[in-house]
Amino acid sequence: MGLKMDSFTLNGKSTIRAFPKGIIPRLLENGMALNEAVKYAIEAGLMLHENVKDNLVVTAGKILVADFLIGETRTGINYHAIGISTTAPAIGDTQLGTEAVRKAVTSIIRSSVSVIVSAFYTAAQCTYNIKEVGLFGNGATATANSGTLFSHAAQNEDNSAGLNDLTMEWELQIK
């Protein structure tokens, strides 16, 4: 006799938003949280463009969630990374194809079964032709390829000239 349970899936999207240099930092300096600053800038017509892509929660990320469920001591998602490899994300990935830079996550917000993870990069911090992005936890530090890759997404944002500040947002849903 088996135990029937509802299915449990993790999925979501990765969004990169481009803003003119200095807009988001100015709003943050005035006391806004990142999500408030982004919303304000979008409503004011200051967003230059956005790229929205599906993300892939990799096997290592699913194992990280399973570890949480059984009480293993782990660190949650705490770093976001930008990569320049054009290799498609795969379920077995444990790191980005070619990690260029990473930053500590700026904010994490949970609402019911959705989690929004955001990171902000000034134009000078992300002068790359971005082809991939990832979220890391469980021992992740500012060092490239450290920690456990949770989610990996292909993206396409050429900021190699350093013209725009970028916000990175991951919406993860548990269904």
C-alpha atoms as a PDB file:
ATOM      1  CA  MET A   1       0.000   0.000   0.000  1.00  0.00           C
ATOM      2  CA  GLY A   2       1.610   3.289  -1.101  1.00  0.00           C
ATOM      3  CA  LEU A   3       1.332   6.800   0.219  1.00  0.00           C
ATOM      4  CA  LYS A   4      -0.186   9.210  -2.305  1.00  0.00           C
ATOM      5  CA  MET A   5       1.145  12.773  -2.079  1.00  0.00           C
ATOM      6  CA  ASP A   6       0.644  15.890  -4.157  1.00  0.00           C
ATOM      7  CA  SER A   7       3.524  16.551  -6.516  1.00  0.00           C
ATOM      8  CA  PHE A   8       6.170  19.054  -5.487  1.00  0.00           C
ATOM      9  CA  THR A   9       7.853  21.091  -8.219  1.00  0.00           C
ATOM     10  CA  LEU A  10      10.152  24.101  -8.274  1.00  0.00           C
ATOM     11  CA  ASN A  11      10.143  26.370 -11.299  1.00  0.00           C
ATOM     12  CA  GLY A  12      10.157  29.993 -12.247  1.00  0.00           C
ATOM     13  CA  LYS A  13      11.765  32.673 -14.328  1.00  0.00           C
ATOM     14  CA  SER A  14      14.893  34.796 -14.488  1.00  0.00           C
ATOM     15  CA  THR A  15      14.519  38.480 -15.349  1.00  0.00           C
ATOM     16  CA  ILE A  16      17.232  41.001 -16.195  1.00  0.00           C
ATOM     17  CA  ARG A  17      16.167  44.648 -16.248  1.00  0.00           C
ATOM     18  CA  ALA A  18      18.363  47.441 -17.626  1.00  0.00           C
ATOM     19  CA  PHE A  19      18.252  51.012 -16.285  1.00  0.00           C
ATOM     20  CA  PRO A  20      20.326  54.103 -17.088  1.00  0.00           C
ATOM     21  CA  LYS A  21      23.378  54.387 -14.842  1.00  0.00           C
ATOM     22  CA  GLY A  22      22.659  55.885 -11.448  1.00  0.00           C
ATOM     23  CA  ILE A  23      18.845  55.673 -11.354  1.00  0.00           C
ATOM     24  CA  ILE A  24      18.528  52.654  -9.039  1.00  0.00           C
ATOM     25  CA  PRO A  25      21.447  53.681  -6.739  1.00  0.00           C
ATOM     26  CA  ARG A  26      19.852  57.113  -6.291  1.00  0.00           C
ATOM     27  CA  LEU A  27      16.552  55.530  -5.273  1.00  0.00           C
ATOM     28  CA  LEU A  28      18.321  53.130  -2.893  1.00  0.00           C
ATOM     29  CA  GLU A  29      20.192  56.047  -1.302  1.00  0.00           C
ATOM     30  CA  ASN A  30      16.814  57.684  -0.663  1.00  0.00           C
ATOM     31  CA  GLY A  31      15.782  54.721   1.485  1.00  0.00           C
ATOM     32  CA  MET A  32      13.878  52.553  -0.960  1.00  0.00           C
ATOM     33  CA  ALA A  33      14.289  48.784  -0.905  1.00  0.00           C
ATOM     34  CA  LEU A  34      15.460  47.278  -4.211  1.00  0.00           C
ATOM     35  CA  ASN A  35      12.001  45.965  -5.169  1.00  0.00           C
ATOM     36  CA  GLU A  36      10.479  49.390  -4.435  1.00  0.00           C
ATOM     37  CA  ALA A  37      13.174  51.180  -6.459  1.00  0.00           C
ATOM     38  CA  VAL A  38      12.659  48.858  -9.439  1.00  0.00           C
ATOM     39  CA  LYS A  39       8.870  49.246  -9.305  1.00  0.00           C
ATOM     40  CA  TYR A  40       9.181  53.044  -9.080  1.00  0.00           C
ATOM     41  CA  ALA A  41      11.658  53.200 -11.990  1.00  0.00           C
ATOM     42  CA  ILE A  42       9.448  50.989 -14.171  1.00  0.00           C
ATOM     43  CA  GLU A  43       6.331  53.039 -13.406  1.00  0.00           C
ATOM     44  CA  ALA A  44       8.278  56.253 -14.164  1.00  0.00           C
ATOM     45  CA  GLY A  45       9.214  54.854 -17.592  1.00  0.00           C
ATOM     46  CA  LEU A  46      12.927  54.624 -16.757  1.00  0.00           C
ATOM     47  CA  MET A  47      13.457  50.930 -17.543  1.00  0.00           C
ATOM     48  CA  LEU A  48      15.295  50.559 -20.860  1.00  0.00           C
ATOM     49  CA  HIS A  49      14.325  46.913 -21.436  1.00  0.00           C
ATOM     50  CA  GLU A  50      13.942  43.525 -19.779  1.00  0.00           C
ATOM     51  CA  ASN A  51      14.782  39.937 -20.678  1.00  0.00           C
ATOM     52  CA  VAL A  52      12.643  37.193 -19.121  1.00  0.00           C
ATOM     53  CA  LYS A  53      13.711  33.550 -19.404  1.00  0.00           C
ATOM     54  CA  ASP A  54      12.666  30.296 -17.772  1.00  0.00           C
ATOM     55  CA  ASN A  55      15.101  29.031 -15.181  1.00  0.00           C
ATOM     56  CA  LEU A  56      16.195  25.501 -14.443  1.00  0.00           C
ATOM     57  CA  VAL A  57      16.415  24.219 -10.874  1.00  0.00           C
ATOM     58  CA  VAL A  58      19.331  21.815 -11.232  1.00  0.00           C
ATOM     59  CA  THR A  59      19.720  18.460  -9.460  1.00  0.00           C
ATOM     60  CA  ALA A  60      22.136  19.959  -6.902  1.00  0.00           C
ATOM     61  CA  GLY A  61      19.491  22.591  -6.079  1.00  0.00           C
ATOM     62  CA  LYS A  62      16.823  19.922  -5.607  1.00  0.00           C
ATOM     63  CA  ILE A  63      19.167  18.008  -3.296  1.00  0.00           C
ATOM     64  CA  LEU A  64      19.697  21.224  -1.316  1.00  0.00           C
ATOM     65  CA  VAL A  65      15.914  21.523  -0.823  1.00  0.00           C
ATOM     66  CA  ALA A  66      15.717  17.831   0.158  1.00  0.00           C
ATOM     67  CA  ASP A  67      18.466  18.429   2.735  1.00  0.00           C
ATOM     68  CA  PHE A  68      16.393  21.258   4.243  1.00  0.00           C
ATOM     69  CA  LEU A  69      13.377  18.927   4.457  1.00  0.00           C
ATOM     70  CA  ILE A  70      15.274  16.378   6.538  1.00  0.00           C
ATOM     71  CA  GLY A  71      16.822  18.981   8.812  1.00  0.00           C
ATOM     72  CA  GLU A  72      20.345  19.063   7.395  1.00  0.00           C
ATOM     73  CA  THR A  73      22.194  22.251   8.268  1.00  0.00           C
ATOM     74  CA  ARG A  74      22.606  24.170   5.034  1.00  0.00           C
ATOM     75  CA  THR A  75      22.788  27.814   3.962  1.00  0.00           C
ATOM     76  CA  GLY A  76      20.018  29.069   1.694  1.00  0.00           C
ATOM     77  CA  ILE A  77      20.468  31.039  -1.516  1.00  0.00           C
ATOM     78  CA  ASN A  78      22.901  33.881  -0.853  1.00  0.00           C
ATOM     79  CA  TYR A  79      24.803  34.637  -4.104  1.00  0.00           C
ATOM     80  CA  HIS A  80      23.912  35.505  -7.680  1.00  0.00           C
ATOM     81  CA  ALA A  81      26.407  34.988 -10.512  1.00  0.00           C
ATOM     82  CA  ILE A  82      26.750  36.174 -14.096  1.00  0.00           C
ATOM     83  CA  GLY A  83      28.374  34.006 -16.748  1.00  0.00           C
ATOM     84  CA  ILE A  84      29.473  34.348 -20.356  1.00  0.00           C
ATOM     85  CA  SER A  85      29.169  30.763 -21.657  1.00  0.00           C
ATOM     86  CA  THR A  86      26.667  30.043 -24.417  1.00  0.00           C
ATOM     87  CA  THR A  87      26.337  26.374 -23.406  1.00  0.00           C
ATOM     88  CA  ALA A  88      22.708  25.620 -22.576  1.00  0.00           C
ATOM     89  CA  PRO A  89      21.942  25.008 -18.885  1.00  0.00           C
ATOM     90  CA  ALA A  90      21.536  21.304 -18.047  1.00  0.00           C
ATOM     91  CA  ILE A  91      19.919  19.519 -15.115  1.00  0.00           C
ATOM     92  CA  GLY A  92      23.283  18.095 -13.972  1.00  0.00           C
ATOM     93  CA  ASP A  93      25.116  21.447 -13.852  1.00  0.00           C
ATOM     94  CA  THR A  94      27.025  22.215 -10.656  1.00  0.00           C
ATOM     95  CA  GLN A  95      28.426  25.581 -11.745  1.00  0.00           C
ATOM     96  CA  LEU A  96      28.014  28.097 -14.558  1.00  0.00           C
ATOM     97  CA  GLY A  97      29.806  27.378 -17.821  1.00  0.00           C
ATOM     98  CA  THR A  98      32.089  30.420 -17.426  1.00  0.00           C
ATOM     99  CA  GLU A  99      31.412  32.494 -14.322  1.00  0.00           C
ATOM    100  CA  ALA A 100      32.457  36.143 -14.762  1.00  0.00           C
ATOM    101  CA  VAL A 101      31.275  37.841 -11.557  1.00  0.00           C
ATOM    102  CA  ARG A 102      29.085  37.224  -8.527  1.00  0.00           C
ATOM    103  CA  LYS A 103      27.468  39.300  -5.836  1.00  0.00           C
ATOM    104  CA  ALA A 104      25.653  38.659  -2.607  1.00  0.00           C
ATOM    105  CA  VAL A 105      21.904  38.619  -3.102  1.00  0.00           C
ATOM    106  CA  THR A 106      20.421  42.075  -2.445  1.00  0.00           C
ATOM    107  CA  SER A 107      17.005  40.861  -1.265  1.00  0.00           C
ATOM    108  CA  ILE A 108      14.872  37.771  -0.827  1.00  0.00           C
ATOM    109  CA  ILE A 109      11.118  38.120  -0.453  1.00  0.00           C
ATOM    110  CA  ARG A 110       8.661  35.255   0.107  1.00  0.00           C
ATOM    111  CA  SER A 111       4.952  35.553  -0.551  1.00  0.00           C
ATOM    112  CA  SER A 112       3.009  32.346   0.029  1.00  0.00           C
ATOM    113  CA  VAL A 113       4.643  29.749  -2.259  1.00  0.00           C
ATOM    114  CA  SER A 114       6.680  32.223  -4.332  1.00  0.00           C
ATOM    115  CA  VAL A 115      10.160  33.485  -3.560  1.00  0.00           C
ATOM    116  CA  ILE A 116      11.708  36.505  -5.310  1.00  0.00           C
ATOM    117  CA  VAL A 117      15.521  36.635  -5.175  1.00  0.00           C
ATOM    118  CA  SER A 118      17.079  39.882  -6.413  1.00  0.00           C
ATOM    119  CA  ALA A 119      20.567  41.220  -7.036  1.00  0.00           C
ATOM    120  CA  PHE A 120      21.662  44.641  -8.226  1.00  0.00           C
ATOM    121  CA  TYR A 121      24.764  45.342 -10.324  1.00  0.00           C
ATOM    122  CA  THR A 122      26.023  48.812 -11.181  1.00  0.00           C
ATOM    123  CA  ALA A 123      27.110  49.261 -14.799  1.00  0.00           C
ATOM    124  CA  ALA A 124      30.768  49.057 -13.716  1.00  0.00           C
ATOM    125  CA  GLN A 125      30.179  45.719 -11.953  1.00  0.00           C
ATOM    126  CA  CYS A 126      28.671  43.922 -14.953  1.00  0.00           C
ATOM    127  CA  THR A 127      30.616  44.884 -18.066  1.00  0.00           C
ATOM    128  CA  TYR A 128      30.008  41.545 -19.799  1.00  0.00           C
ATOM    129  CA  ASN A 129      28.071  40.046 -22.658  1.00  0.00           C
ATOM    130  CA  ILE A 130      25.881  38.048 -20.269  1.00  0.00           C
ATOM    131  CA  LYS A 131      24.800  34.636 -21.550  1.00  0.00           C
ATOM    132  CA  GLU A 132      23.959  32.816 -18.300  1.00  0.00           C
ATOM    133  CA  VAL A 133      23.043  33.493 -14.686  1.00  0.00           C
ATOM    134  CA  GLY A 134      22.834  31.362 -11.573  1.00  0.00           C
ATOM    135  CA  LEU A 135      21.828  31.296  -7.924  1.00  0.00           C
ATOM    136  CA  PHE A 136      24.120  29.740  -5.318  1.00  0.00           C
ATOM    137  CA  GLY A 137      23.822  28.769  -1.649  1.00  0.00           C
ATOM    138  CA  ASN A 138      25.174  26.278   0.885  1.00  0.00           C
ATOM    139  CA  GLY A 139      28.670  27.628   1.399  1.00  0.00           C
ATOM    140  CA  ALA A 140      28.644  30.096  -1.483  1.00  0.00           C
ATOM    141  CA  THR A 141      31.027  33.029  -1.086  1.00  0.00           C
ATOM    142  CA  ALA A 142      32.258  35.835  -3.328  1.00  0.00           C
ATOM    143  CA  THR A 143      34.670  33.286  -4.880  1.00  0.00           C
ATOM    144  CA  ALA A 144      33.627  31.999  -8.316  1.00  0.00           C
ATOM    145  CA  ASN A 145      32.175  28.473  -8.413  1.00  0.00           C
ATOM    146  CA  SER A 146      31.845  28.259  -4.610  1.00  0.00           C
ATOM    147  CA  GLY A 147      28.785  26.785  -2.948  1.00  0.00           C
ATOM    148  CA  THR A 148      25.921  24.797  -4.431  1.00  0.00           C
ATOM    149  CA  LEU A 149      24.341  25.858  -7.719  1.00  0.00           C
ATOM    150  CA  PHE A 150      20.592  26.001  -7.112  1.00  0.00           C
ATOM    151  CA  SER A 151      19.276  27.351 -10.392  1.00  0.00           C
ATOM    152  CA  HIS A 152      20.794  28.082 -13.815  1.00  0.00           C
ATOM    153  CA  ALA A 153      19.284  30.087 -16.683  1.00  0.00           C
ATOM    154  CA  ALA A 154      20.367  31.154 -20.146  1.00  0.00           C
ATOM    155  CA  GLN A 155      20.135  34.914 -20.634  1.00  0.00           C
ATOM    156  CA  ASN A 156      21.119  37.392 -23.325  1.00  0.00           C
ATOM    157  CA  GLU A 157      22.185  40.855 -22.161  1.00  0.00           C
ATOM    158  CA  ASP A 158      25.163  42.602 -23.744  1.00  0.00           C
ATOM    159  CA  ASN A 159      26.380  45.163 -21.207  1.00  0.00           C
ATOM    160  CA  SER A 160      30.044  44.843 -22.222  1.00  0.00           C
ATOM    161  CA  ALA A 161      30.233  48.618 -22.778  1.00  0.00           C
ATOM    162  CA  GLY A 162      29.047  49.152 -19.187  1.00  0.00           C
ATOM    163  CA  LEU A 163      26.228  51.472 -20.227  1.00  0.00           C
ATOM    164  CA  ASN A 164      23.466  50.206 -17.923  1.00  0.00           C
ATOM    165  CA  ASP A 165      22.846  49.268 -14.305  1.00  0.00           C
ATOM    166  CA  LEU A 166      21.189  45.852 -14.148  1.00  0.00           C
ATOM    167  CA  THR A 167      18.772  44.220 -11.761  1.00  0.00           C
ATOM    168  CA  MET A 168      18.561  40.444 -11.710  1.00  0.00           C
ATOM    169  CA  GLU A 169      15.379  38.894 -10.391  1.00  0.00           C
ATOM    170  CA  TRP A 170      14.498  35.253  -9.950  1.00  0.00           C
ATOM    171  CA  GLU A 171      10.936  34.262  -9.241  1.00  0.00           C
ATOM    172  CA  LEU A 172      10.799  30.736  -7.867  1.00  0.00           C
ATOM    173  CA  GLN A 173       7.488  28.976  -7.349  1.00  0.00           C
ATOM    174  CA  ILE A 174       6.808  25.854  -5.335  1.00  0.00           C
ATOM    175  CA  LYS A 175       3.892  23.947  -6.785  1.00  0.00           C
END
